[in-house]
C-alpha atoms as a PDB file:
ATOM      1  CA  MET A   1     143.462 -33.528  86.768  1.00  0.00           C
ATOM      2  CA  LYS A   2     145.651 -30.617  87.225  1.00  0.00           C
ATOM      3  CA  ASN A   3     144.988 -29.540  83.515  1.00  0.00           C
ATOM      4  CA  ILE A   4     141.274 -29.755  84.201  1.00  0.00           C
ATOM      5  CA  ILE A   5     141.414 -27.696  87.503  1.00  0.00           C
ATOM      6  CA  SER A   6     143.907 -25.130  85.532  1.00  0.00           C
ATOM      7  CA  VAL A   7     141.357 -24.792  82.411  1.00  0.00           C
ATOM      8  CA  LEU A   8     138.324 -24.023  85.031  1.00  0.00           C
ATOM      9  CA  ILE A   9     140.194 -21.529  86.999  1.00  0.00           C
ATOM     10  CA  LEU A  10     141.159 -19.904  83.912  1.00  0.00           C
ATOM     11  CA  ILE A  11     137.830 -19.796  82.608  1.00  0.00           C
ATOM     12  CA  VAL A  12     136.314 -18.324  85.772  1.00  0.00           C
ATOM     13  CA  ILE A  13     139.180 -15.763  86.012  1.00  0.00           C
ATOM     14  CA  SER A  14     139.405 -14.366  82.400  1.00  0.00           C
ATOM     15  CA  ILE A  15     135.244 -14.223  82.671  1.00  0.00           C
ATOM     16  CA  GLY A  16     135.554 -12.432  85.939  1.00  0.00           C
ATOM     17  CA  LEU A  17     138.521  -9.981  84.599  1.00  0.00           C
ATOM     18  CA  VAL A  18     136.265  -8.859  81.550  1.00  0.00           C
ATOM     19  CA  THR A  19     133.533  -8.331  83.812  1.00  0.00           C
ATOM     20  CA  ASP A  20     135.369  -6.680  86.650  1.00  0.00           C
ATOM     21  CA  LEU A  21     138.153  -4.456  84.730  1.00  0.00           C
ATOM     22  CA  ASN A  22     135.265  -2.916  82.319  1.00  0.00           C
ATOM     23  CA  ALA A  23     132.554  -2.726  85.322  1.00  0.00           C
ATOM     24  CA  GLN A  24     134.849  -0.436  87.928  1.00  0.00           C
ATOM     25  CA  GLN A  25     134.174   2.635  85.999  1.00  0.00           C
ATOM     26  CA  ASN A  26     130.744   1.660  84.593  1.00  0.00           C
ATOM     27  CA  THR A  27     127.911  -0.209  85.584  1.00  0.00           C
ATOM     28  CA  PRO A  28     127.317  -3.506  84.245  1.00  0.00           C
ATOM     29  CA  ALA A  29     124.600  -1.940  81.974  1.00  0.00           C
ATOM     30  CA  GLU A  30     127.007   0.650  80.727  1.00  0.00           C
ATOM     31  CA  TYR A  31     129.399  -2.053  79.806  1.00  0.00           C
ATOM     32  CA  TRP A  32     127.113  -4.393  78.115  1.00  0.00           C
ATOM     33  CA  ASP A  33     125.663  -1.384  76.260  1.00  0.00           C
ATOM     34  CA  SER A  34     128.921  -0.631  75.002  1.00  0.00           C
ATOM     35  CA  LEU A  35     129.281  -3.722  73.375  1.00  0.00           C
ATOM     36  CA  THR A  36     128.390  -4.210  69.609  1.00  0.00           C
ATOM     37  CA  ASP A  37     125.697  -7.023  68.572  1.00  0.00           C
ATOM     38  CA  GLY A  38     128.750  -9.338  67.544  1.00  0.00           C
ATOM     39  CA  GLU A  39     130.239  -8.797  71.050  1.00  0.00           C
ATOM     40  CA  LYS A  40     127.416  -9.554  72.802  1.00  0.00           C
ATOM     41  CA  LEU A  41     126.809 -12.567  71.081  1.00  0.00           C
ATOM     42  CA  ALA A  42     130.604 -13.778  71.600  1.00  0.00           C
ATOM     43  CA  PHE A  43     129.996 -13.129  75.419  1.00  0.00           C
ATOM     44  CA  VAL A  44     127.075 -15.076  75.538  1.00  0.00           C
ATOM     45  CA  ASN A  45     128.444 -17.637  73.492  1.00  0.00           C
ATOM     46  CA  GLY A  46     131.812 -17.682  75.572  1.00  0.00           C
ATOM     47  CA  ALA A  47     129.900 -17.843  78.832  1.00  0.00           C
ATOM     48  CA  TYR A  48     127.779 -20.665  77.773  1.00  0.00           C
ATOM     49  CA  THR A  49     130.927 -22.619  76.608  1.00  0.00           C
ATOM     50  CA  ALA A  50     132.597 -22.059  79.724  1.00  0.00           C
ATOM     51  CA  VAL A  51     129.643 -23.315  81.873  1.00  0.00           C
ATOM     52  CA  SER A  52     129.150 -26.283  79.706  1.00  0.00           C
ATOM     53  CA  ARG A  53     132.588 -27.175  79.885  1.00  0.00           C
ATOM     54  CA  MET A  54     132.862 -26.813  83.454  1.00  0.00           C
ATOM     55  CA  LYS A  55     130.073 -29.189  84.288  1.00  0.00           C
ATOM     56  CA  SER A  56     131.507 -31.657  81.646  1.00  0.00           C
ATOM     57  CA  PHE A  57     135.003 -31.438  83.150  1.00  0.00           C
ATOM     58  CA  HIS A  58     133.571 -31.749  86.490  1.00  0.00           C
ATOM     59  CA  MET A  59     131.483 -34.836  85.657  1.00  0.00           C
ATOM     60  CA  GLU A  60     134.212 -36.637  84.168  1.00  0.00           C
ATOM     61  CA  GLU A  61     136.129 -36.174  87.128  1.00  0.00           C
ATOM     62  CA  VAL A  62     133.507 -37.308  89.548  1.00  0.00           C
ATOM     63  CA  LYS A  63     133.119 -40.540  87.260  1.00  0.00           C
ATOM     64  CA  MET A  64     136.839 -41.049  86.832  1.00  0.00           C
ATOM     65  CA  GLN A  65     137.326 -40.894  90.979  1.00  0.00           C
ATOM     66  CA  TYR A  66     134.319 -42.510  91.856  1.00  0.00           C
ATOM     67  CA  GLY A  67     132.933 -44.718  89.200  1.00  0.00           C
ATOM     68  CA  HIS A  68     134.685 -47.943  90.398  1.00  0.00           C
ATOM     69  CA  ASP A  69     132.931 -47.581  93.450  1.00  0.00           C
ATOM     70  CA  PRO A  70     129.385 -49.889  93.263  1.00  0.00           C
ATOM     71  CA  TYR A  71     128.250 -48.226  96.775  1.00  0.00           C
ATOM     72  CA  TRP A  72     129.106 -44.579  95.929  1.00  0.00           C
ATOM     73  CA  ARG A  73     126.041 -42.195  95.446  1.00  0.00           C
ATOM     74  CA  GLU A  74     126.368 -38.784  94.148  1.00  0.00           C
ATOM     75  CA  PRO A  75     126.032 -36.358  97.285  1.00  0.00           C
ATOM     76  CA  TYR A  76     123.502 -33.561  97.065  1.00  0.00           C
ATOM     77  CA  PHE A  77     125.819 -30.840  97.029  1.00  0.00           C
ATOM     78  CA  VAL A  78     127.306 -32.242  93.502  1.00  0.00           C
ATOM     79  CA  GLU A  79     123.617 -32.488  92.252  1.00  0.00           C
ATOM     80  CA  ARG A  80     123.022 -28.940  93.580  1.00  0.00           C
ATOM     81  CA  PHE A  81     126.211 -27.671  91.746  1.00  0.00           C
ATOM     82  CA  TYR A  82     124.820 -29.216  88.441  1.00  0.00           C
ATOM     83  CA  GLN A  83     121.294 -27.276  88.858  1.00  0.00           C
ATOM     84  CA  ILE A  84     123.203 -23.963  89.587  1.00  0.00           C
ATOM     85  CA  LEU A  85     125.236 -24.382  86.541  1.00  0.00           C
ATOM     86  CA  ASP A  86     122.014 -25.530  84.354  1.00  0.00           C
ATOM     87  CA  GLN A  87     120.420 -22.158  85.599  1.00  0.00           C
ATOM     88  CA  HIS A  88     123.193 -20.282  83.615  1.00  0.00           C
ATOM     89  CA  LEU A  89     122.304 -22.104  80.199  1.00  0.00           C
ATOM     90  CA  ALA A  90     118.873 -21.385  78.479  1.00  0.00           C
ATOM     91  CA  GLU A  91     118.254 -24.856  76.979  1.00  0.00           C
ATOM     92  CA  GLY A  92     114.979 -23.764  75.084  1.00  0.00           C
ATOM     93  CA  VAL A  93     116.726 -21.357  72.920  1.00  0.00           C
ATOM     94  CA  GLY A  94     119.207 -24.058  71.083  1.00  0.00           C
ATOM     95  CA  TYR A  95     121.602 -22.405  68.966  1.00  0.00           C
ATOM     96  CA  ASN A  96     119.738 -18.936  69.112  1.00  0.00           C
ATOM     97  CA  ILE A  97     121.950 -17.020  71.566  1.00  0.00           C
ATOM     98  CA  ASP A  98     120.730 -13.927  69.844  1.00  0.00           C
ATOM     99  CA  ILE A  99     117.665 -14.335  71.705  1.00  0.00           C
ATOM    100  CA  ILE A 100     119.744 -14.300  75.164  1.00  0.00           C
ATOM    101  CA  ALA A 101     121.628 -11.040  74.108  1.00  0.00           C
ATOM    102  CA  GLN A 102     118.513  -9.357  73.046  1.00  0.00           C
ATOM    103  CA  ALA A 103     116.709 -10.414  76.694  1.00  0.00           C
ATOM    104  CA  MET A 104     119.942  -8.866  78.548  1.00  0.00           C
ATOM    105  CA  ASP A 105     119.450  -5.619  76.452  1.00  0.00           C
ATOM    106  CA  ALA A 106     115.794  -5.528  77.712  1.00  0.00           C
ATOM    107  CA  LEU A 107     116.944  -6.644  81.086  1.00  0.00           C
ATOM    108  CA  TYR A 108     119.271  -3.930  81.520  1.00  0.00           C
ATOM    109  CA  ALA A 109     116.829  -1.206  79.872  1.00  0.00           C
ATOM    110  CA  ASN A 110     115.217  -1.309  83.418  1.00  0.00           C
ATOM    111  CA  PHE A 111     117.361   1.371  85.564  1.00  0.00           C
ATOM    112  CA  ASP A 112     116.423  -1.110  88.772  1.00  0.00           C
ATOM    113  CA  ASN A 113     118.924  -3.473  86.813  1.00  0.00           C
ATOM    114  CA  VAL A 114     121.845  -1.490  85.833  1.00  0.00           C
ATOM    115  CA  ARG A 115     124.147  -2.790  88.595  1.00  0.00           C
ATOM    116  CA  ILE A 116     123.537  -6.455  88.348  1.00  0.00           C
ATOM    117  CA  PRO A 117     126.395  -7.991  87.372  1.00  0.00           C
ATOM    118  CA  ILE A 118     126.586  -9.381  83.513  1.00  0.00           C
ATOM    119  CA  ILE A 119     126.840 -13.156  84.808  1.00  0.00           C
ATOM    120  CA  GLU A 120     123.691 -12.916  87.455  1.00  0.00           C
ATOM    121  CA  ALA A 121     121.795 -11.444  84.612  1.00  0.00           C
ATOM    122  CA  LEU A 122     122.670 -14.245  82.207  1.00  0.00           C
ATOM    123  CA  ARG A 123     121.371 -16.564  84.924  1.00  0.00           C
ATOM    124  CA  ILE A 124     118.146 -14.657  85.211  1.00  0.00           C
ATOM    125  CA  VAL A 125     117.784 -14.329  81.626  1.00  0.00           C
ATOM    126  CA  SER A 126     118.313 -17.923  80.920  1.00  0.00           C
ATOM    127  CA  THR A 127     116.098 -19.404  83.858  1.00  0.00           C
ATOM    128  CA  ALA A 128     113.343 -17.191  82.242  1.00  0.00           C
ATOM    129  CA  GLN A 129     114.022 -18.390  78.637  1.00  0.00           C
ATOM    130  CA  ASP A 130     113.522 -22.071  79.925  1.00  0.00           C
ATOM    131  CA  GLY A 131     109.937 -21.195  80.936  1.00  0.00           C
ATOM    132  CA  GLU A 132     110.876 -20.949  84.811  1.00  0.00           C
ATOM    133  CA  GLN A 133     109.296 -17.335  85.023  1.00  0.00           C
ATOM    134  CA  GLN A 134     108.517 -17.406  88.671  1.00  0.00           C
ATOM    135  CA  LYS A 135     112.228 -18.567  89.708  1.00  0.00           C
ATOM    136  CA  ALA A 136     113.476 -15.901  87.238  1.00  0.00           C
ATOM    137  CA  ASN A 137     111.505 -13.034  88.908  1.00  0.00           C
ATOM    138  CA  VAL A 138     112.455 -14.336  92.355  1.00  0.00           C
ATOM    139  CA  LEU A 139     116.248 -14.369  91.153  1.00  0.00           C
ATOM    140  CA  LEU A 140     115.894 -10.729  89.766  1.00  0.00           C
ATOM    141  CA  LEU A 141     114.218  -9.607  92.693  1.00  0.00           C
ATOM    142  CA  LYS A 142     117.111 -10.635  94.983  1.00  0.00           C
ATOM    143  CA  ALA A 143     119.724  -9.403  92.680  1.00  0.00           C
ATOM    144  CA  GLN A 144     117.608  -5.983  92.757  1.00  0.00           C
ATOM    145  CA  ARG A 145     117.709  -5.815  96.221  1.00  0.00           C
ATOM    146  CA  GLN A 146     121.448  -6.839  96.079  1.00  0.00           C
ATOM    147  CA  TYR A 147     122.888  -4.712  93.497  1.00  0.00           C
ATOM    148  CA  ARG A 148     120.862  -1.420  94.077  1.00  0.00           C
ATOM    149  CA  PRO A 149     121.517   1.564  91.800  1.00  0.00           C
ATOM    150  CA  GLU A 150     122.971   4.611  93.215  1.00  0.00           C
ATOM    151  CA  ASP A 151     120.611   7.718  93.184  1.00  0.00           C
END
């Protein structure tokens, strides 16, 4: 269990550091634009892998802790946690993560989106790619409101 928690913490910290260290002087959009196409694909692939592994580790841990109890029912917060994680993964694109990278390019092309953190932008793009356009629009409007660009 300690190993699982250590791996999860390491994944979250590494994604956060990469985003935060480079975004201190630049906006997330400037950082994203500074990446080569290969680096963008590697970033998206890494983020997708991290979210998938986090969900997998959590499911295994829940099964290990509560699998022996026939009366245990998964609480709503666990189900909600999985729903939020799934929003960061576009299942409709399969292994064509270049579609996600191109959608991120399009999202950051709009000045209103330049301050949206990369992981939040990935969530918005992935939700849209899964055909949930209305939900993606709501997420985008919330992010635009929260991360307003400076004039």
